[in-house]
Amino acid sequence: MPYRYVLKYRKGEKQQISVEAWPKYIQPNLIKEKKRPAFTIGSVKGSRTIMLWHHVSESRKRYDVTESYGFHRIHFPSNSEAVNEAYRIGLAAAVVGSALDAERADKALSYVMNVTSEEVWFWTSKFLGVVGEKVDGSNVLKSLCSISGAI
């Protein structure tokens, strides 16, 4: 099933960034999923969102932005470059949110934002359980955090 990738963010008192995948087409038997994402690639809340604002603002310049219910939404087109960027920011948000402290979060962010596209696809496919045996996403996130220096 094809997906639409959306980066949601909110600034202010309740800062939050998340990257979600929404079904592109709603099947008649999936009405309850109409108002929910199929899955969330990564999210971060609180003061660590500041680390990702540069990447969010770069995406904001390139792609469509809408606003509703206090959230700004960046809609990524379905080309592979944009989807790769969505996954990269989602992984970065997941790693920054899981890091032990701010210094390690900064290292992890630098690692994720500078890896190759193939590595982004590898980590997200493992994290989301798409490729190979069903692996617990938390174990994949721990592995990524240890490689990137977040833990």
C-alpha atoms as a PDB file:
ATOM      1  CA  MET A   1       0.000   0.000   0.000  1.00  0.00           C
ATOM      2  CA  PRO A   2       1.496   3.359  -0.944  1.00  0.00           C
ATOM      3  CA  TYR A   3       1.848   5.986   1.740  1.00  0.00           C
ATOM      4  CA  ARG A   4       1.879   9.751   2.052  1.00  0.00           C
ATOM      5  CA  TYR A   5       4.663  10.975   4.317  1.00  0.00           C
ATOM      6  CA  VAL A   6       3.951  13.919   6.588  1.00  0.00           C
ATOM      7  CA  LEU A   7       6.204  15.728   9.024  1.00  0.00           C
ATOM      8  CA  LYS A   8       4.115  17.278  11.808  1.00  0.00           C
ATOM      9  CA  TYR A   9       5.584  19.889  14.076  1.00  0.00           C
ATOM     10  CA  ARG A  10       4.480  22.333  16.697  1.00  0.00           C
ATOM     11  CA  LYS A  11       6.537  25.110  18.247  1.00  0.00           C
ATOM     12  CA  GLY A  12       5.962  26.851  21.524  1.00  0.00           C
ATOM     13  CA  GLU A  13       5.145  25.464  24.936  1.00  0.00           C
ATOM     14  CA  LYS A  14       4.473  21.905  23.730  1.00  0.00           C
ATOM     15  CA  GLN A  15       7.187  21.475  21.103  1.00  0.00           C
ATOM     16  CA  GLN A  16       6.918  18.324  19.053  1.00  0.00           C
ATOM     17  CA  ILE A  17       8.190  16.868  15.779  1.00  0.00           C
ATOM     18  CA  SER A  18       7.001  13.595  14.271  1.00  0.00           C
ATOM     19  CA  VAL A  19       7.199  11.927  10.880  1.00  0.00           C
ATOM     20  CA  GLU A  20       4.197   9.791   9.983  1.00  0.00           C
ATOM     21  CA  ALA A  21       3.100   7.611   7.087  1.00  0.00           C
ATOM     22  CA  TRP A  22      -0.548   7.860   6.100  1.00  0.00           C
ATOM     23  CA  PRO A  23      -2.259   5.454   3.693  1.00  0.00           C
ATOM     24  CA  LYS A  24      -2.598   7.054   0.280  1.00  0.00           C
ATOM     25  CA  TYR A  25      -5.878   5.279  -0.381  1.00  0.00           C
ATOM     26  CA  ILE A  26      -8.476   4.415   2.255  1.00  0.00           C
ATOM     27  CA  GLN A  27     -10.103   1.032   1.769  1.00  0.00           C
ATOM     28  CA  PRO A  28     -13.792   0.757   2.724  1.00  0.00           C
ATOM     29  CA  ASN A  29     -12.969  -1.657   5.558  1.00  0.00           C
ATOM     30  CA  LEU A  30     -10.342   0.667   7.048  1.00  0.00           C
ATOM     31  CA  ILE A  31     -12.619   3.541   8.077  1.00  0.00           C
ATOM     32  CA  LYS A  32     -11.325   3.477  11.677  1.00  0.00           C
ATOM     33  CA  GLU A  33      -7.819   4.111  10.321  1.00  0.00           C
ATOM     34  CA  LYS A  34      -8.955   7.134   8.319  1.00  0.00           C
ATOM     35  CA  LYS A  35      -7.874   9.624  10.980  1.00  0.00           C
ATOM     36  CA  ARG A  36      -4.741   7.827  12.124  1.00  0.00           C
ATOM     37  CA  PRO A  37      -1.351   7.297  10.514  1.00  0.00           C
ATOM     38  CA  ALA A  38      -0.442   3.786   9.404  1.00  0.00           C
ATOM     39  CA  PHE A  39       2.827   4.119  11.347  1.00  0.00           C
ATOM     40  CA  THR A  40       5.107   6.723  12.874  1.00  0.00           C
ATOM     41  CA  ILE A  41       8.731   6.668  11.752  1.00  0.00           C
ATOM     42  CA  GLY A  42       9.999   8.775  14.637  1.00  0.00           C
ATOM     43  CA  SER A  43       9.062  11.552  16.993  1.00  0.00           C
ATOM     44  CA  VAL A  44      10.639  13.805  19.584  1.00  0.00           C
ATOM     45  CA  LYS A  45       9.099  16.135  22.144  1.00  0.00           C
ATOM     46  CA  GLY A  46      10.357  18.911  24.341  1.00  0.00           C
ATOM     47  CA  SER A  47      13.640  20.761  24.264  1.00  0.00           C
ATOM     48  CA  ARG A  48      15.408  18.262  21.975  1.00  0.00           C
ATOM     49  CA  THR A  49      13.234  19.363  19.075  1.00  0.00           C
ATOM     50  CA  ILE A  50      15.545  22.373  18.769  1.00  0.00           C
ATOM     51  CA  MET A  51      18.206  20.059  17.352  1.00  0.00           C
ATOM     52  CA  LEU A  52      15.986  19.240  14.374  1.00  0.00           C
ATOM     53  CA  TRP A  53      14.621  22.719  13.569  1.00  0.00           C
ATOM     54  CA  HIS A  54      17.274  23.387  10.924  1.00  0.00           C
ATOM     55  CA  HIS A  55      16.295  20.241   9.013  1.00  0.00           C
ATOM     56  CA  VAL A  56      12.593  20.974   9.436  1.00  0.00           C
ATOM     57  CA  SER A  57      13.024  24.528   8.119  1.00  0.00           C
ATOM     58  CA  GLU A  58      14.976  23.215   5.097  1.00  0.00           C
ATOM     59  CA  SER A  59      12.128  20.799   4.340  1.00  0.00           C
ATOM     60  CA  ARG A  60       9.633  23.590   4.841  1.00  0.00           C
ATOM     61  CA  LYS A  61      11.314  25.607   2.077  1.00  0.00           C
ATOM     62  CA  ARG A  62      11.127  22.742  -0.412  1.00  0.00           C
ATOM     63  CA  TYR A  63       7.728  21.130   0.199  1.00  0.00           C
ATOM     64  CA  ASP A  64       4.092  22.086   0.775  1.00  0.00           C
ATOM     65  CA  VAL A  65       3.134  23.173   4.287  1.00  0.00           C
ATOM     66  CA  THR A  66      -0.346  23.279   5.801  1.00  0.00           C
ATOM     67  CA  GLU A  67      -1.546  24.217   9.262  1.00  0.00           C
ATOM     68  CA  SER A  68      -4.385  22.776  11.311  1.00  0.00           C
ATOM     69  CA  TYR A  69      -5.152  22.067  14.964  1.00  0.00           C
ATOM     70  CA  GLY A  70      -1.981  23.828  16.106  1.00  0.00           C
ATOM     71  CA  PHE A  71       0.306  21.656  14.008  1.00  0.00           C
ATOM     72  CA  HIS A  72       2.200  22.546  10.864  1.00  0.00           C
ATOM     73  CA  ARG A  73       2.374  19.706   8.360  1.00  0.00           C
ATOM     74  CA  ILE A  74       5.016  19.292   5.680  1.00  0.00           C
ATOM     75  CA  HIS A  75       3.748  17.014   2.915  1.00  0.00           C
ATOM     76  CA  PHE A  76       6.537  15.125   1.172  1.00  0.00           C
ATOM     77  CA  PRO A  77       5.962  14.249  -2.492  1.00  0.00           C
ATOM     78  CA  SER A  78       6.157  10.580  -3.464  1.00  0.00           C
ATOM     79  CA  ASN A  79       9.538  10.764  -5.234  1.00  0.00           C
ATOM     80  CA  SER A  80      12.357   8.718  -3.712  1.00  0.00           C
ATOM     81  CA  GLU A  81      14.469  11.737  -2.702  1.00  0.00           C
ATOM     82  CA  ALA A  82      11.655  13.270  -0.652  1.00  0.00           C
ATOM     83  CA  VAL A  83      10.693   9.942   0.918  1.00  0.00           C
ATOM     84  CA  ASN A  84      14.333   9.360   1.832  1.00  0.00           C
ATOM     85  CA  GLU A  85      14.399  12.773   3.509  1.00  0.00           C
ATOM     86  CA  ALA A  86      11.220  11.937   5.438  1.00  0.00           C
ATOM     87  CA  TYR A  87      12.716   8.673   6.670  1.00  0.00           C
ATOM     88  CA  ARG A  88      16.022  10.357   7.544  1.00  0.00           C
ATOM     89  CA  ILE A  89      14.312  13.059   9.645  1.00  0.00           C
ATOM     90  CA  GLY A  90      12.076  10.427  11.241  1.00  0.00           C
ATOM     91  CA  LEU A  91      15.055   8.282  12.214  1.00  0.00           C
ATOM     92  CA  ALA A  92      16.865  11.358  13.505  1.00  0.00           C
ATOM     93  CA  ALA A  93      13.858  12.259  15.655  1.00  0.00           C
ATOM     94  CA  ALA A  94      13.686   8.720  17.045  1.00  0.00           C
ATOM     95  CA  VAL A  95      17.401   8.655  17.884  1.00  0.00           C
ATOM     96  CA  VAL A  96      17.473  12.166  19.375  1.00  0.00           C
ATOM     97  CA  GLY A  97      14.451  11.302  21.520  1.00  0.00           C
ATOM     98  CA  SER A  98      16.147   8.123  22.770  1.00  0.00           C
ATOM     99  CA  ALA A  99      19.592   9.577  23.505  1.00  0.00           C
ATOM    100  CA  LEU A 100      20.806   9.688  27.096  1.00  0.00           C
ATOM    101  CA  ASP A 101      21.901  13.327  27.100  1.00  0.00           C
ATOM    102  CA  ALA A 102      22.131  16.339  24.786  1.00  0.00           C
ATOM    103  CA  GLU A 103      25.754  15.744  23.765  1.00  0.00           C
ATOM    104  CA  ARG A 104      25.025  12.176  22.690  1.00  0.00           C
ATOM    105  CA  ALA A 105      21.848  13.301  20.972  1.00  0.00           C
ATOM    106  CA  ASP A 106      23.920  15.759  18.940  1.00  0.00           C
ATOM    107  CA  LYS A 107      26.343  12.983  17.918  1.00  0.00           C
ATOM    108  CA  ALA A 108      23.464  10.724  16.944  1.00  0.00           C
ATOM    109  CA  LEU A 109      21.815  13.468  14.915  1.00  0.00           C
ATOM    110  CA  SER A 110      25.049  14.147  13.075  1.00  0.00           C
ATOM    111  CA  TYR A 111      25.457  10.447  12.322  1.00  0.00           C
ATOM    112  CA  VAL A 112      21.913   9.933  11.001  1.00  0.00           C
ATOM    113  CA  MET A 113      21.911  13.090   8.898  1.00  0.00           C
ATOM    114  CA  ASN A 114      25.227  12.147   7.231  1.00  0.00           C
ATOM    115  CA  VAL A 115      24.715   8.435   6.462  1.00  0.00           C
ATOM    116  CA  THR A 116      24.111   7.273   2.913  1.00  0.00           C
ATOM    117  CA  SER A 117      20.634   6.779   1.494  1.00  0.00           C
ATOM    118  CA  GLU A 118      21.145   3.015   1.528  1.00  0.00           C
ATOM    119  CA  GLU A 119      21.797   3.082   5.258  1.00  0.00           C
ATOM    120  CA  VAL A 120      18.652   5.152   5.833  1.00  0.00           C
ATOM    121  CA  TRP A 121      16.599   2.559   3.930  1.00  0.00           C
ATOM    122  CA  PHE A 122      18.307  -0.275   5.837  1.00  0.00           C
ATOM    123  CA  TRP A 123      17.616   1.180   9.274  1.00  0.00           C
ATOM    124  CA  THR A 124      14.039   2.174   8.534  1.00  0.00           C
ATOM    125  CA  SER A 125      13.204  -1.191   6.963  1.00  0.00           C
ATOM    126  CA  LYS A 126      14.579  -2.969  10.046  1.00  0.00           C
ATOM    127  CA  PHE A 127      12.997  -0.456  12.451  1.00  0.00           C
ATOM    128  CA  LEU A 128       9.571  -0.830  10.856  1.00  0.00           C
ATOM    129  CA  GLY A 129       9.897  -4.609  10.412  1.00  0.00           C
ATOM    130  CA  VAL A 130       9.621  -4.550   6.623  1.00  0.00           C
ATOM    131  CA  VAL A 131      12.647  -6.655   5.682  1.00  0.00           C
ATOM    132  CA  GLY A 132      13.568 -10.038   7.116  1.00  0.00           C
ATOM    133  CA  GLU A 133      12.168 -11.545  10.250  1.00  0.00           C
ATOM    134  CA  LYS A 134       9.943  -9.425  12.428  1.00  0.00           C
ATOM    135  CA  VAL A 135      12.463  -7.657  14.670  1.00  0.00           C
ATOM    136  CA  ASP A 136      11.425  -5.618  17.674  1.00  0.00           C
ATOM    137  CA  GLY A 137      11.710  -1.953  16.703  1.00  0.00           C
ATOM    138  CA  SER A 138      13.078  -0.992  20.104  1.00  0.00           C
ATOM    139  CA  ASN A 139      16.062  -3.339  19.612  1.00  0.00           C
ATOM    140  CA  VAL A 140      16.767  -1.800  16.211  1.00  0.00           C
ATOM    141  CA  LEU A 141      16.560   1.679  17.720  1.00  0.00           C
ATOM    142  CA  LYS A 142      18.973   0.641  20.487  1.00  0.00           C
ATOM    143  CA  SER A 143      21.389  -0.681  17.859  1.00  0.00           C
ATOM    144  CA  LEU A 144      21.192   2.542  15.861  1.00  0.00           C
ATOM    145  CA  CYS A 145      21.681   4.560  19.038  1.00  0.00           C
ATOM    146  CA  SER A 146      24.759   2.592  20.020  1.00  0.00           C
ATOM    147  CA  ILE A 147      26.318   2.876  16.545  1.00  0.00           C
ATOM    148  CA  SER A 148      25.608   6.596  16.378  1.00  0.00           C
ATOM    149  CA  GLY A 149      26.916   7.261  19.893  1.00  0.00           C
ATOM    150  CA  ALA A 150      23.589   8.161  21.503  1.00  0.00           C
ATOM    151  CA  ILE A 151      23.958   5.594  24.297  1.00  0.00           C
END
